[in-house]
Amino acid sequence: MAFMEKPQHLTERRLADAWAELQSHSDLGNPLEADAYRLAFADPEFLLRRETRGIRFQLEMLKPDLDQTEQGIENTIVVFGSARFPSPEEAQKNLQNAQRGGDASALALAQRQLRNAHFYDQARLFSRLVAGYSAHRRPEERLFISTGGGPGIMEAANRGAHEMGAPSVGLNIALPHEQNANPYVTPTLSFKFHYFALRKMHFMMRAKALVAFPGGFGTLDELFEVITLVQTRKAKPVPIVLYGSDYWKRLFNTEVMLEEGVISPQDMDLFSYVDDPQSAWDVIRTFYGL
């Protein structure tokens, strides 16, 4: 019989046909059928309604989780830090351009960037230590670098892993001013989020440690959320490493918090200060007995 000539393969992705039809309409410039007639999961206008926000939450939760699991990413070291710290090479170039330009504010900015560029190199070296350790471990024992996927410290950490031939994760965020993934994130592990909350949840789901380099509001948001989750036992204890003791101790005075009784003495044990890549890695190794 005719219907027996083309047996249905169980692995055939028939649902993708709905999206292919939608794309074809777009490519040909044809109008879509009335939205009531579209399949619900192939209706962008429906999926972007306020009432379907919960579905979008679920999708942002599920997609990166499935992809990372399929690629063997189970244990990560999360590296946070400023997107504004360039590599030493870029900082030097910016300084030379500013010196030629003669603009005082541009020169001050370039000098500050050069002063902070060493953090880029140190994040890169830290990631190389993690990747070097994991290279000779069984898959279930490997640790992978995970970052916000952007420039600066995030780029440096992904770059260090890339230089060692190790995959690394980038959890990027859609912003009003588009932030593209840095070129060192493994392409199949480069994810883009709309919701900050889901992005931060993914950081924590696989994190075996957090290393926070100097950064701004975004870094502080991520850092204090992790500290709070661990303090309140909503998340398992993990090493929280504050890289750059001078910066962090100037930024927030934990002694004042202790004096005023808003934190307990034992809360000071939730994090460690370090000033070099090996010390950061040693904190993690000691915590897990590696």
Protein backbone atom coordinates (compact mmCIF):
# COMPACT_ATOMS: atom_id res chain seq x y z
CA MET A 1 0.00 0.00 0.00
CA ALA A 2 1.10 3.55 -0.66
CA PHE A 3 1.23 4.54 2.99
CA MET A 4 3.65 1.65 3.64
CA GLU A 5 6.20 2.93 1.11
CA LYS A 6 7.61 5.60 3.45
CA PRO A 7 7.80 4.22 6.96
CA GLN A 8 7.83 6.81 9.73
CA HIS A 9 11.15 6.96 11.55
CA LEU A 10 10.81 7.43 15.29
CA THR A 11 13.69 9.89 15.31
CA GLU A 12 12.16 12.16 12.67
CA ARG A 13 11.56 15.67 14.03
CA ARG A 14 8.09 16.33 12.62
CA LEU A 15 7.35 19.22 14.99
CA ALA A 16 10.11 21.26 13.37
CA ASP A 17 7.96 21.44 10.23
CA ALA A 18 5.79 24.07 11.87
CA TRP A 19 8.76 26.36 12.41
CA ALA A 20 10.06 25.66 8.89
CA GLU A 21 6.72 26.77 7.47
CA LEU A 22 6.85 29.93 9.56
CA GLN A 23 10.37 30.71 8.32
CA SER A 24 9.34 30.06 4.73
CA HIS A 25 6.54 32.61 5.02
CA SER A 26 9.05 35.16 6.34
CA ASP A 27 11.67 34.45 3.67
CA LEU A 28 9.12 34.81 0.85
CA GLY A 29 7.56 37.92 2.32
CA ASN A 30 4.17 36.22 2.58
CA PRO A 31 1.72 37.17 5.32
CA LEU A 32 1.05 34.64 8.05
CA GLU A 33 -2.31 32.98 8.41
CA ALA A 34 -4.55 34.44 11.10
CA ASP A 35 -2.92 33.83 14.46
CA ALA A 36 -5.85 31.76 15.68
CA TYR A 37 -4.99 29.12 13.08
CA ARG A 38 -1.28 28.80 13.92
CA LEU A 39 -0.01 25.98 16.05
CA ALA A 40 0.47 27.40 19.55
CA PHE A 41 4.18 26.54 19.83
CA ALA A 42 4.85 28.06 16.38
CA ASP A 43 3.12 31.34 17.15
CA PRO A 44 5.71 33.97 18.19
CA GLU A 45 3.08 36.57 19.04
CA PHE A 46 1.37 34.13 21.38
CA LEU A 47 4.62 33.04 23.04
CA LEU A 48 5.58 36.67 23.69
CA ARG A 49 2.34 37.61 25.44
CA ARG A 50 2.45 38.62 29.09
CA GLU A 51 0.24 35.65 29.96
CA THR A 52 2.76 33.15 28.54
CA ARG A 53 5.69 34.47 30.61
CA GLY A 54 5.66 31.31 32.71
CA ILE A 55 6.19 29.22 29.58
CA ARG A 56 9.17 31.39 28.62
CA PHE A 57 10.59 30.88 32.12
CA GLN A 58 10.35 27.13 31.61
CA LEU A 59 12.03 27.29 28.21
CA GLU A 60 14.95 29.39 29.51
CA MET A 61 15.31 26.92 32.34
CA LEU A 62 15.15 23.82 30.18
CA LYS A 63 17.15 24.61 27.04
CA PRO A 64 20.56 25.43 28.63
CA ASP A 65 20.11 22.60 31.14
CA LEU A 66 19.51 19.96 28.46
CA ASP A 67 22.32 21.24 26.23
CA GLN A 68 24.88 21.29 29.03
CA THR A 69 23.87 17.84 30.24
CA GLU A 70 24.18 16.42 26.72
CA GLN A 71 27.70 17.87 26.44
CA GLY A 72 28.87 16.54 29.80
CA ILE A 73 28.91 19.87 31.67
CA GLU A 74 27.99 18.95 35.23
CA ASN A 75 30.48 20.81 37.44
CA THR A 76 31.50 24.41 36.83
CA ILE A 77 33.69 27.11 38.30
CA VAL A 78 31.85 30.39 37.82
CA VAL A 79 34.00 33.45 37.15
CA PHE A 80 32.45 36.90 37.56
CA GLY A 81 34.04 40.32 37.04
CA SER A 82 33.98 43.58 35.18
CA ALA A 83 33.18 43.66 31.48
CA ARG A 84 35.26 46.87 31.32
CA PHE A 85 38.71 45.45 32.05
CA PRO A 86 40.51 44.96 28.72
CA SER A 87 43.46 42.70 27.99
CA PRO A 88 46.89 44.25 28.63
CA GLU A 89 47.49 44.37 24.87
CA GLU A 90 44.27 46.27 24.24
CA ALA A 91 44.86 48.55 27.21
CA GLN A 92 48.32 49.45 25.93
CA LYS A 93 46.93 50.21 22.48
CA ASN A 94 44.19 52.40 23.99
CA LEU A 95 46.78 54.29 25.99
CA GLN A 96 48.90 54.97 22.92
CA ASN A 97 45.85 56.23 21.02
CA ALA A 98 44.84 58.45 23.94
CA GLN A 99 48.35 59.90 24.20
CA ARG A 100 48.29 60.76 20.51
CA GLY A 101 44.82 62.26 20.77
CA GLY A 102 45.65 64.59 23.62
CA ASP A 103 42.21 64.36 25.29
CA ALA A 104 42.67 64.48 29.08
CA SER A 105 39.57 62.42 29.94
CA ALA A 106 40.42 59.75 27.35
CA LEU A 107 43.96 59.61 28.69
CA ALA A 108 42.74 59.17 32.28
CA LEU A 109 40.42 56.36 31.17
CA ALA A 110 43.20 54.61 29.25
CA GLN A 111 45.56 54.86 32.21
CA ARG A 112 42.94 53.35 34.52
CA GLN A 113 42.29 50.53 32.06
CA LEU A 114 45.99 49.76 31.89
CA ARG A 115 46.20 49.73 35.69
CA ASN A 116 43.37 47.19 35.90
CA ALA A 117 44.37 45.08 32.89
CA HIS A 118 46.40 42.73 35.09
CA PHE A 119 43.09 41.31 36.37
CA TYR A 120 42.34 40.15 32.82
CA ASP A 121 45.61 38.21 32.68
CA GLN A 122 45.04 36.73 36.12
CA ALA A 123 41.53 35.53 35.26
CA ARG A 124 42.99 33.95 32.14
CA LEU A 125 45.72 32.20 34.14
CA PHE A 126 43.24 30.98 36.75
CA SER A 127 41.14 29.36 34.04
CA ARG A 128 44.20 27.66 32.63
CA LEU A 129 44.83 26.09 36.05
CA VAL A 130 41.27 24.74 36.16
CA ALA A 131 41.44 23.43 32.60
CA GLY A 132 44.84 21.85 33.19
CA TYR A 133 43.55 19.99 36.22
CA SER A 134 40.44 18.74 34.42
CA ALA A 135 42.23 17.59 31.28
CA HIS A 136 43.40 14.37 32.91
CA ARG A 137 40.29 13.59 34.97
CA ARG A 138 37.38 11.32 34.29
CA PRO A 139 34.44 13.14 32.67
CA GLU A 140 32.39 13.18 35.87
CA GLU A 141 35.31 14.76 37.79
CA ARG A 142 36.05 17.58 35.37
CA LEU A 143 35.49 21.22 36.22
CA PHE A 144 34.50 23.66 33.49
CA ILE A 145 34.74 27.43 33.43
CA SER A 146 31.41 29.25 33.25
CA THR A 147 31.05 33.01 32.77
CA GLY A 148 28.53 35.62 31.73
CA GLY A 149 29.88 35.24 28.21
CA GLY A 150 30.71 38.91 27.68
CA PRO A 151 33.94 40.92 27.42
CA GLY A 152 36.51 41.84 30.05
CA ILE A 153 37.03 39.36 32.89
CA MET A 154 34.47 37.01 31.35
CA GLU A 155 36.38 36.93 28.08
CA ALA A 156 39.64 36.35 29.94
CA ALA A 157 38.28 33.32 31.78
CA ASN A 158 36.79 31.77 28.63
CA ARG A 159 40.03 32.54 26.81
CA GLY A 160 42.16 30.70 29.36
CA ALA A 161 40.04 27.56 28.97
CA HIS A 162 40.06 27.89 25.19
CA GLU A 163 43.85 28.12 25.11
CA MET A 164 44.02 24.81 26.96
CA GLY A 165 41.64 23.14 24.54
CA ALA A 166 38.87 22.92 27.15
CA PRO A 167 35.22 23.77 26.51
CA SER A 168 33.73 26.61 28.54
CA VAL A 169 30.26 28.01 29.08
CA GLY A 170 28.92 31.50 28.40
CA LEU A 171 25.57 32.56 29.88
CA ASN A 172 24.91 35.85 28.12
CA ILE A 173 22.04 38.26 28.63
CA ALA A 174 20.01 40.30 26.15
CA LEU A 175 20.55 43.98 26.98
CA PRO A 176 19.28 47.25 25.44
CA HIS A 177 22.80 47.78 24.12
CA GLU A 178 23.53 44.41 22.55
CA GLN A 179 26.26 42.41 24.26
CA ASN A 180 27.59 39.66 22.02
CA ALA A 181 29.28 36.54 23.30
CA ASN A 182 33.06 36.78 23.43
CA PRO A 183 34.92 34.70 20.81
CA TYR A 184 36.33 32.21 23.33
CA VAL A 185 33.06 30.70 24.56
CA THR A 186 32.49 27.23 23.12
CA PRO A 187 29.81 27.86 20.44
CA THR A 188 27.60 24.96 21.51
CA LEU A 189 27.76 26.22 25.11
CA SER A 190 26.96 29.85 24.34
CA PHE A 191 23.51 30.68 25.70
CA LYS A 192 21.49 33.88 25.63
CA PHE A 193 18.95 34.78 28.30
CA HIS A 194 16.17 37.32 28.58
CA TYR A 195 15.58 36.88 32.31
CA PHE A 196 18.35 37.72 34.77
CA ALA A 197 16.75 35.42 37.36
CA LEU A 198 16.95 32.35 35.12
CA ARG A 199 20.50 33.20 34.10
CA LYS A 200 21.60 33.44 37.74
CA MET A 201 19.84 30.18 38.54
CA HIS A 202 21.84 28.46 35.81
CA PHE A 203 25.07 29.84 37.26
CA MET A 204 24.24 28.21 40.60
CA MET A 205 22.85 24.90 39.31
CA ARG A 206 26.26 23.51 38.37
CA ALA A 207 28.60 25.78 40.34
CA LYS A 208 31.21 24.11 42.52
CA ALA A 209 32.86 27.46 43.24
CA LEU A 210 32.50 31.16 42.54
CA VAL A 211 35.48 33.41 41.80
CA ALA A 212 34.56 37.11 41.80
CA PHE A 213 37.04 39.52 40.27
CA PRO A 214 36.57 43.28 40.72
CA GLY A 215 33.42 44.45 39.03
CA GLY A 216 30.43 46.76 39.12
CA PHE A 217 26.73 46.44 39.90
CA GLY A 218 26.29 43.21 37.90
CA THR A 219 29.17 41.52 39.68
CA LEU A 220 27.87 42.67 43.06
CA ASP A 221 24.37 41.45 42.25
CA GLU A 222 25.62 37.99 41.37
CA LEU A 223 28.10 37.82 44.25
CA PHE A 224 25.69 38.83 47.01
CA GLU A 225 22.97 36.55 45.72
CA VAL A 226 25.34 33.58 45.98
CA ILE A 227 26.52 34.63 49.45
CA THR A 228 22.90 35.01 50.59
CA LEU A 229 21.85 31.64 49.18
CA VAL A 230 24.73 29.88 50.93
CA GLN A 231 24.25 31.84 54.17
CA THR A 232 20.55 30.94 54.32
CA ARG A 233 21.26 27.35 53.24
CA LYS A 234 19.13 27.68 50.15
CA ALA A 235 22.20 26.52 48.22
CA LYS A 236 24.90 24.03 49.09
CA PRO A 237 28.15 25.47 50.52
CA VAL A 238 30.70 26.30 47.82
CA PRO A 239 33.98 28.22 47.90
CA ILE A 240 33.35 31.92 47.29
CA VAL A 241 36.62 33.57 46.31
CA LEU A 242 37.02 37.35 46.22
CA TYR A 243 39.90 38.04 43.88
CA GLY A 244 41.70 41.32 44.58
CA SER A 245 41.62 41.85 48.34
CA ASP A 246 42.36 45.57 48.19
CA TYR A 247 39.40 46.21 45.89
CA TRP A 248 36.92 44.13 47.85
CA LYS A 249 37.96 45.41 51.28
CA ARG A 250 37.69 48.99 50.08
CA LEU A 251 34.33 48.32 48.43
CA PHE A 252 32.50 46.93 51.45
CA ASN A 253 33.53 46.95 55.08
CA THR A 254 32.51 43.68 56.68
CA GLU A 255 33.90 44.85 60.03
CA VAL A 256 31.16 47.48 60.18
CA MET A 257 28.58 44.80 59.45
CA LEU A 258 29.95 42.71 62.29
CA GLU A 259 30.02 45.66 64.71
CA GLU A 260 26.41 46.50 63.93
CA GLY A 261 25.33 42.88 64.27
CA VAL A 262 23.84 42.57 60.79
CA ILE A 263 25.98 39.50 60.09
CA SER A 264 27.39 36.82 62.39
CA PRO A 265 31.09 36.11 62.92
CA GLN A 266 30.72 32.76 61.17
CA ASP A 267 29.43 34.54 58.07
CA MET A 268 32.98 35.77 57.51
CA ASP A 269 33.91 32.17 56.71
CA LEU A 270 31.61 32.16 53.68
CA PHE A 271 34.26 33.80 51.47
CA SER A 272 38.03 34.09 51.06
CA TYR A 273 40.27 36.88 49.78
CA VAL A 274 43.05 36.03 47.32
CA ASP A 275 45.49 37.96 45.15
CA ASP A 276 46.95 35.45 42.70
CA PRO A 277 45.60 32.68 40.44
CA GLN A 278 47.27 29.82 42.31
CA SER A 279 45.82 30.95 45.65
CA ALA A 280 42.34 31.08 44.13
CA TRP A 281 42.74 27.55 42.79
CA ASP A 282 44.20 26.36 46.12
CA VAL A 283 41.10 27.55 48.00
CA ILE A 284 38.93 25.40 45.74
CA ARG A 285 41.25 22.39 45.87
CA THR A 286 41.43 22.54 49.66
CA PHE A 287 37.66 22.80 50.00
CA TYR A 288 37.11 19.64 47.95
CA GLY A 289 40.32 17.81 48.84
CA LEU A 290 41.44 17.66 45.20
